[in-house]
């Protein structure tokens, strides 16, 4: 049975886990409103995707019409 003879150091453990680092999501510019958005997703600011509006843009909760 394979049993480690010595303890693995923190440096070697970190080398093995180097692919687990957290990275920021990739963003691109919305062609309609030029706000940053995730690729292949509808723009959360204007609701456009693929040159047409697919979502109603979210309004702030403080802006009520009543």
PDB file of N, CA and C in Angstrom:
ATOM      1  N   UNK A   1       0.837  -1.177   0.000  1.00  0.00           N
ATOM      2  CA  UNK A   1       0.000   0.000   0.000  1.00  0.00           C
ATOM      3  C   UNK A   1       0.887   1.248   0.000  1.00  0.00           C
ATOM      4  N   UNK A   2       0.565   2.213  -0.831  1.00  0.00           N
ATOM      5  CA  UNK A   2       1.377   3.417  -0.923  1.00  0.00           C
ATOM      6  C   UNK A   2       1.090   4.377   0.221  1.00  0.00           C
ATOM      7  N   UNK A   3       2.073   4.562   1.081  1.00  0.00           N
ATOM      8  CA  UNK A   3       1.922   5.462   2.222  1.00  0.00           C
ATOM      9  C   UNK A   3       3.041   6.485   2.149  1.00  0.00           C
ATOM     10  N   UNK A   4       2.746   7.789   2.307  1.00  0.00           N
ATOM     11  CA  UNK A   4       3.812   8.791   2.259  1.00  0.00           C
ATOM     12  C   UNK A   4       4.810   8.602   3.405  1.00  0.00           C
ATOM     13  N   UNK A   5       6.092   8.680   3.052  1.00  0.00           N
ATOM     14  CA  UNK A   5       7.127   8.503   4.068  1.00  0.00           C
ATOM     15  C   UNK A   5       7.357   9.790   4.841  1.00  0.00           C
ATOM     16  N   UNK A   6       7.194  10.918   4.161  1.00  0.00           N
ATOM     17  CA  UNK A   6       7.406  12.220   4.794  1.00  0.00           C
ATOM     18  C   UNK A   6       6.192  13.106   4.551  1.00  0.00           C
ATOM     19  N   UNK A   7       6.065  14.117   5.392  1.00  0.00           N
ATOM     20  CA  UNK A   7       4.972  15.078   5.238  1.00  0.00           C
ATOM     21  C   UNK A   7       5.228  15.956   4.015  1.00  0.00           C
ATOM     22  N   UNK A   8       4.176  16.287   3.271  1.00  0.00           N
ATOM     23  CA  UNK A   8       4.298  17.162   2.110  1.00  0.00           C
ATOM     24  C   UNK A   8       4.321  18.610   2.606  1.00  0.00           C
ATOM     25  N   UNK A   9       5.332  19.359   2.174  1.00  0.00           N
ATOM     26  CA  UNK A   9       5.469  20.744   2.617  1.00  0.00           C
ATOM     27  C   UNK A   9       4.371  21.613   2.000  1.00  0.00           C
ATOM     28  N   UNK A  10       4.178  22.787   2.599  1.00  0.00           N
ATOM     29  CA  UNK A  10       3.165  23.723   2.104  1.00  0.00           C
ATOM     30  C   UNK A  10       3.488  24.174   0.679  1.00  0.00           C
ATOM     31  N   UNK A  11       4.779  24.332   0.367  1.00  0.00           N
ATOM     32  CA  UNK A  11       5.171  24.779  -0.968  1.00  0.00           C
ATOM     33  C   UNK A  11       4.803  23.733  -2.012  1.00  0.00           C
ATOM     34  N   UNK A  12       5.089  22.479  -1.744  1.00  0.00           N
ATOM     35  CA  UNK A  12       4.759  21.421  -2.700  1.00  0.00           C
ATOM     36  C   UNK A  12       3.248  21.222  -2.797  1.00  0.00           C
ATOM     37  N   UNK A  13       2.571  21.378  -1.695  1.00  0.00           N
ATOM     38  CA  UNK A  13       1.113  21.275  -1.696  1.00  0.00           C
ATOM     39  C   UNK A  13       0.513  22.387  -2.549  1.00  0.00           C
ATOM     40  N   UNK A  14       1.087  23.612  -2.446  1.00  0.00           N
ATOM     41  CA  UNK A  14       0.615  24.734  -3.241  1.00  0.00           C
ATOM     42  C   UNK A  14       0.892  24.548  -4.722  1.00  0.00           C
ATOM     43  N   UNK A  15       2.028  23.931  -5.058  1.00  0.00           N
ATOM     44  CA  UNK A  15       2.334  23.659  -6.458  1.00  0.00           C
ATOM     45  C   UNK A  15       1.304  22.700  -7.055  1.00  0.00           C
ATOM     46  N   UNK A  16       0.904  21.741  -6.294  1.00  0.00           N
ATOM     47  CA  UNK A  16      -0.055  20.762  -6.778  1.00  0.00           C
ATOM     48  C   UNK A  16      -1.441  21.383  -6.956  1.00  0.00           C
ATOM     49  N   UNK A  17      -1.769  22.354  -6.118  1.00  0.00           N
ATOM     50  CA  UNK A  17      -3.085  22.979  -6.159  1.00  0.00           C
ATOM     51  C   UNK A  17      -3.088  24.322  -6.889  1.00  0.00           C
ATOM     52  N   UNK A  18      -2.119  24.571  -7.725  1.00  0.00           N
ATOM     53  CA  UNK A  18      -2.011  25.876  -8.387  1.00  0.00           C
ATOM     54  C   UNK A  18      -3.177  26.137  -9.337  1.00  0.00           C
ATOM     55  N   UNK A  19      -3.815  25.102  -9.856  1.00  0.00           N
ATOM     56  CA  UNK A  19      -4.931  25.288 -10.786  1.00  0.00           C
ATOM     57  C   UNK A  19      -6.232  25.628 -10.063  1.00  0.00           C
ATOM     58  N   UNK A  20      -6.246  25.624  -8.741  1.00  0.00           N
ATOM     59  CA  UNK A  20      -7.452  25.913  -7.983  1.00  0.00           C
ATOM     60  C   UNK A  20      -7.596  27.396  -7.640  1.00  0.00           C
ATOM     61  N   UNK A  21      -6.714  28.226  -8.155  1.00  0.00           N
ATOM     62  CA  UNK A  21      -6.765  29.657  -7.849  1.00  0.00           C
ATOM     63  C   UNK A  21      -8.032  30.275  -8.421  1.00  0.00           C
ATOM     64  N   UNK A  22      -8.620  31.201  -7.703  1.00  0.00           N
ATOM     65  CA  UNK A  22      -9.832  31.876  -8.136  1.00  0.00           C
ATOM     66  C   UNK A  22      -9.445  33.002  -9.091  1.00  0.00           C
ATOM     67  N   UNK A  23     -10.180  33.110 -10.199  1.00  0.00           N
ATOM     68  CA  UNK A  23      -9.914  34.200 -11.137  1.00  0.00           C
ATOM     69  C   UNK A  23     -11.197  34.984 -11.379  1.00  0.00           C
ATOM     70  N   UNK A  24     -11.038  36.224 -11.799  1.00  0.00           N
ATOM     71  CA  UNK A  24     -12.178  37.088 -12.057  1.00  0.00           C
ATOM     72  C   UNK A  24     -12.922  36.626 -13.304  1.00  0.00           C
ATOM     73  N   UNK A  25     -14.230  36.830 -13.369  1.00  0.00           N
ATOM     74  CA  UNK A  25     -14.954  36.445 -14.575  1.00  0.00           C
ATOM     75  C   UNK A  25     -14.550  37.344 -15.746  1.00  0.00           C
ATOM     76  N   UNK A  26     -14.505  36.748 -16.922  1.00  0.00           N
ATOM     77  CA  UNK A  26     -14.159  37.510 -18.124  1.00  0.00           C
ATOM     78  C   UNK A  26     -15.339  38.402 -18.500  1.00  0.00           C
ATOM     79  N   UNK A  27     -15.050  39.634 -18.868  1.00  0.00           N
ATOM     80  CA  UNK A  27     -16.085  40.592 -19.236  1.00  0.00           C
ATOM     81  C   UNK A  27     -15.801  41.141 -20.624  1.00  0.00           C
ATOM     82  N   UNK A  28     -16.864  41.509 -21.321  1.00  0.00           N
ATOM     83  CA  UNK A  28     -16.738  42.191 -22.600  1.00  0.00           C
ATOM     84  C   UNK A  28     -17.709  43.357 -22.618  1.00  0.00           C
ATOM     85  N   UNK A  29     -17.532  44.235 -23.578  1.00  0.00           N
ATOM     86  CA  UNK A  29     -18.366  45.430 -23.667  1.00  0.00           C
ATOM     87  C   UNK A  29     -19.658  45.112 -24.408  1.00  0.00           C
ATOM     88  N   UNK A  30     -20.773  45.573 -23.868  1.00  0.00           N
ATOM     89  CA  UNK A  30     -22.068  45.412 -24.528  1.00  0.00           C
ATOM     90  C   UNK A  30     -22.082  46.297 -25.771  1.00  0.00           C
ATOM     91  N   UNK A  31     -22.427  45.744 -26.938  1.00  0.00           N
ATOM     92  CA  UNK A  31     -22.431  46.584 -28.144  1.00  0.00           C
ATOM     93  C   UNK A  31     -23.554  47.618 -28.153  1.00  0.00           C
ATOM     94  N   UNK A  32     -24.558  47.451 -27.307  1.00  0.00           N
ATOM     95  CA  UNK A  32     -25.691  48.378 -27.296  1.00  0.00           C
ATOM     96  C   UNK A  32     -25.460  49.540 -26.333  1.00  0.00           C
ATOM     97  N   UNK A  33     -25.128  49.237 -25.054  1.00  0.00           N
ATOM     98  CA  UNK A  33     -24.984  50.309 -24.059  1.00  0.00           C
ATOM     99  C   UNK A  33     -23.550  50.487 -23.572  1.00  0.00           C
ATOM    100  N   UNK A  34     -22.622  49.659 -24.041  1.00  0.00           N
ATOM    101  CA  UNK A  34     -21.188  49.735 -23.726  1.00  0.00           C
ATOM    102  C   UNK A  34     -20.878  49.474 -22.253  1.00  0.00           C
ATOM    103  N   UNK A  35     -21.781  48.819 -21.538  1.00  0.00           N
ATOM    104  CA  UNK A  35     -21.512  48.428 -20.156  1.00  0.00           C
ATOM    105  C   UNK A  35     -20.815  47.064 -20.164  1.00  0.00           C
ATOM    106  N   UNK A  36     -20.011  46.759 -19.144  1.00  0.00           N
ATOM    107  CA  UNK A  36     -19.381  45.436 -19.108  1.00  0.00           C
ATOM    108  C   UNK A  36     -20.418  44.342 -18.846  1.00  0.00           C
ATOM    109  N   UNK A  37     -20.278  43.228 -19.586  1.00  0.00           N
ATOM    110  CA  UNK A  37     -21.187  42.097 -19.421  1.00  0.00           C
ATOM    111  C   UNK A  37     -20.411  40.808 -19.661  1.00  0.00           C
ATOM    112  N   UNK A  38     -20.968  39.687 -19.204  1.00  0.00           N
ATOM    113  CA  UNK A  38     -20.325  38.393 -19.427  1.00  0.00           C
ATOM    114  C   UNK A  38     -20.580  37.952 -20.860  1.00  0.00           C
ATOM    115  N   UNK A  39     -19.591  37.297 -21.490  1.00  0.00           N
ATOM    116  CA  UNK A  39     -19.799  36.850 -22.861  1.00  0.00           C
ATOM    117  C   UNK A  39     -20.891  35.780 -22.943  1.00  0.00           C
ATOM    118  N   UNK A  40     -21.670  35.800 -24.006  1.00  0.00           N
ATOM    119  CA  UNK A  40     -22.758  34.859 -24.276  1.00  0.00           C
ATOM    120  C   UNK A  40     -23.883  34.970 -23.252  1.00  0.00           C
ATOM    121  N   UNK A  41     -24.040  36.131 -22.627  1.00  0.00           N
ATOM    122  CA  UNK A  41     -25.121  36.400 -21.687  1.00  0.00           C
ATOM    123  C   UNK A  41     -25.802  37.704 -22.096  1.00  0.00           C
ATOM    124  N   UNK A  42     -27.069  37.828 -21.753  1.00  0.00           N
ATOM    125  CA  UNK A  42     -27.771  39.086 -21.995  1.00  0.00           C
ATOM    126  C   UNK A  42     -27.202  40.156 -21.075  1.00  0.00           C
ATOM    127  N   UNK A  43     -27.196  41.388 -21.539  1.00  0.00           N
ATOM    128  CA  UNK A  43     -26.655  42.498 -20.753  1.00  0.00           C
ATOM    129  C   UNK A  43     -27.592  42.780 -19.572  1.00  0.00           C
ATOM    130  N   UNK A  44     -27.085  42.785 -18.345  1.00  0.00           N
ATOM    131  CA  UNK A  44     -27.955  43.084 -17.202  1.00  0.00           C
ATOM    132  C   UNK A  44     -28.365  44.546 -17.141  1.00  0.00           C
ATOM    133  N   UNK A  45     -27.644  45.414 -17.856  1.00  0.00           N
ATOM    134  CA  UNK A  45     -27.941  46.839 -17.819  1.00  0.00           C
ATOM    135  C   UNK A  45     -29.085  47.208 -18.772  1.00  0.00           C
ATOM    136  N   UNK A  46     -29.010  46.741 -20.020  1.00  0.00           N
ATOM    137  CA  UNK A  46     -30.020  47.127 -21.011  1.00  0.00           C
ATOM    138  C   UNK A  46     -30.901  45.959 -21.451  1.00  0.00           C
ATOM    139  N   UNK A  47     -30.489  44.705 -21.204  1.00  0.00           N
ATOM    140  CA  UNK A  47     -31.300  43.547 -21.555  1.00  0.00           C
ATOM    141  C   UNK A  47     -31.148  43.085 -22.991  1.00  0.00           C
ATOM    142  N   UNK A  48     -30.186  43.608 -23.737  1.00  0.00           N
ATOM    143  CA  UNK A  48     -30.000  43.226 -25.133  1.00  0.00           C
ATOM    144  C   UNK A  48     -29.065  42.030 -25.250  1.00  0.00           C
ATOM    145  N   UNK A  49     -29.342  41.172 -26.232  1.00  0.00           N
ATOM    146  CA  UNK A  49     -28.467  40.060 -26.580  1.00  0.00           C
ATOM    147  C   UNK A  49     -28.662  39.762 -28.054  1.00  0.00           C
ATOM    148  N   UNK A  50     -27.586  39.723 -28.787  1.00  0.00           N
ATOM    149  CA  UNK A  50     -27.662  39.427 -30.212  1.00  0.00           C
ATOM    150  C   UNK A  50     -28.371  40.492 -31.016  1.00  0.00           C
ATOM    151  N   UNK A  51     -28.310  41.747 -30.597  1.00  0.00           N
ATOM    152  CA  UNK A  51     -28.896  42.843 -31.348  1.00  0.00           C
ATOM    153  C   UNK A  51     -30.373  43.073 -31.092  1.00  0.00           C
ATOM    154  N   UNK A  52     -30.988  42.329 -30.157  1.00  0.00           N
ATOM    155  CA  UNK A  52     -32.399  42.562 -29.845  1.00  0.00           C
ATOM    156  C   UNK A  52     -32.605  42.449 -28.346  1.00  0.00           C
ATOM    157  N   UNK A  53     -33.654  43.057 -27.854  1.00  0.00           N
ATOM    158  CA  UNK A  53     -33.921  43.053 -26.416  1.00  0.00           C
ATOM    159  C   UNK A  53     -34.609  41.744 -26.037  1.00  0.00           C
ATOM    160  N   UNK A  54     -33.990  41.010 -25.108  1.00  0.00           N
ATOM    161  CA  UNK A  54     -34.537  39.727 -24.672  1.00  0.00           C
ATOM    162  C   UNK A  54     -34.993  39.774 -23.212  1.00  0.00           C
ATOM    163  N   UNK A  55     -34.560  40.778 -22.477  1.00  0.00           N
ATOM    164  CA  UNK A  55     -34.936  40.939 -21.073  1.00  0.00           C
ATOM    165  C   UNK A  55     -35.357  42.369 -20.810  1.00  0.00           C
ATOM    166  N   UNK A  56     -36.265  42.526 -19.863  1.00  0.00           N
ATOM    167  CA  UNK A  56     -36.577  43.872 -19.389  1.00  0.00           C
ATOM    168  C   UNK A  56     -35.488  44.265 -18.401  1.00  0.00           C
ATOM    169  N   UNK A  57     -34.874  45.439 -18.559  1.00  0.00           N
ATOM    170  CA  UNK A  57     -33.830  45.843 -17.617  1.00  0.00           C
ATOM    171  C   UNK A  57     -34.400  46.001 -16.212  1.00  0.00           C
ATOM    172  N   UNK A  58     -33.608  45.600 -15.237  1.00  0.00           N
ATOM    173  CA  UNK A  58     -34.043  45.707 -13.841  1.00  0.00           C
ATOM    174  C   UNK A  58     -34.022  47.160 -13.413  1.00  0.00           C
ATOM    175  N   UNK A  59     -35.073  47.585 -12.690  1.00  0.00           N
ATOM    176  CA  UNK A  59     -35.117  48.927 -12.148  1.00  0.00           C
ATOM    177  C   UNK A  59     -34.731  48.864 -10.690  1.00  0.00           C
ATOM    178  N   UNK A  60     -34.262  49.972 -10.175  1.00  0.00           N
ATOM    179  CA  UNK A  60     -33.888  50.027  -8.753  1.00  0.00           C
ATOM    180  C   UNK A  60     -35.137  49.965  -7.897  1.00  0.00           C
ATOM    181  N   UNK A  61     -35.034  49.353  -6.727  1.00  0.00           N
ATOM    182  CA  UNK A  61     -36.200  49.164  -5.856  1.00  0.00           C
ATOM    183  C   UNK A  61     -36.728  50.493  -5.309  1.00  0.00           C
ATOM    184  N   UNK A  62     -35.911  51.543  -5.267  1.00  0.00           N
ATOM    185  CA  UNK A  62     -36.356  52.831  -4.801  1.00  0.00           C
ATOM    186  C   UNK A  62     -37.187  53.603  -5.815  1.00  0.00           C
ATOM    187  N   UNK A  63     -37.121  53.201  -7.096  1.00  0.00           N
ATOM    188  CA  UNK A  63     -37.871  53.881  -8.148  1.00  0.00           C
ATOM    189  C   UNK A  63     -39.215  53.196  -8.351  1.00  0.00           C
ATOM    190  N   UNK A  64     -40.194  53.545  -7.541  1.00  0.00           N
ATOM    191  CA  UNK A  64     -41.532  52.960  -7.708  1.00  0.00           C
ATOM    192  C   UNK A  64     -42.440  53.990  -8.370  1.00  0.00           C
ATOM    193  N   UNK A  65     -43.363  53.530  -9.220  1.00  0.00           N
ATOM    194  CA  UNK A  65     -44.220  54.413  -9.985  1.00  0.00           C
ATOM    195  C   UNK A  65     -45.434  54.870  -9.177  1.00  0.00           C
ATOM    196  N   UNK A  66     -45.700  54.285  -8.023  1.00  0.00           N
ATOM    197  CA  UNK A  66     -46.903  54.651  -7.275  1.00  0.00           C
ATOM    198  C   UNK A  66     -46.722  55.813  -6.350  1.00  0.00           C
TER     199      UNK A  66
END
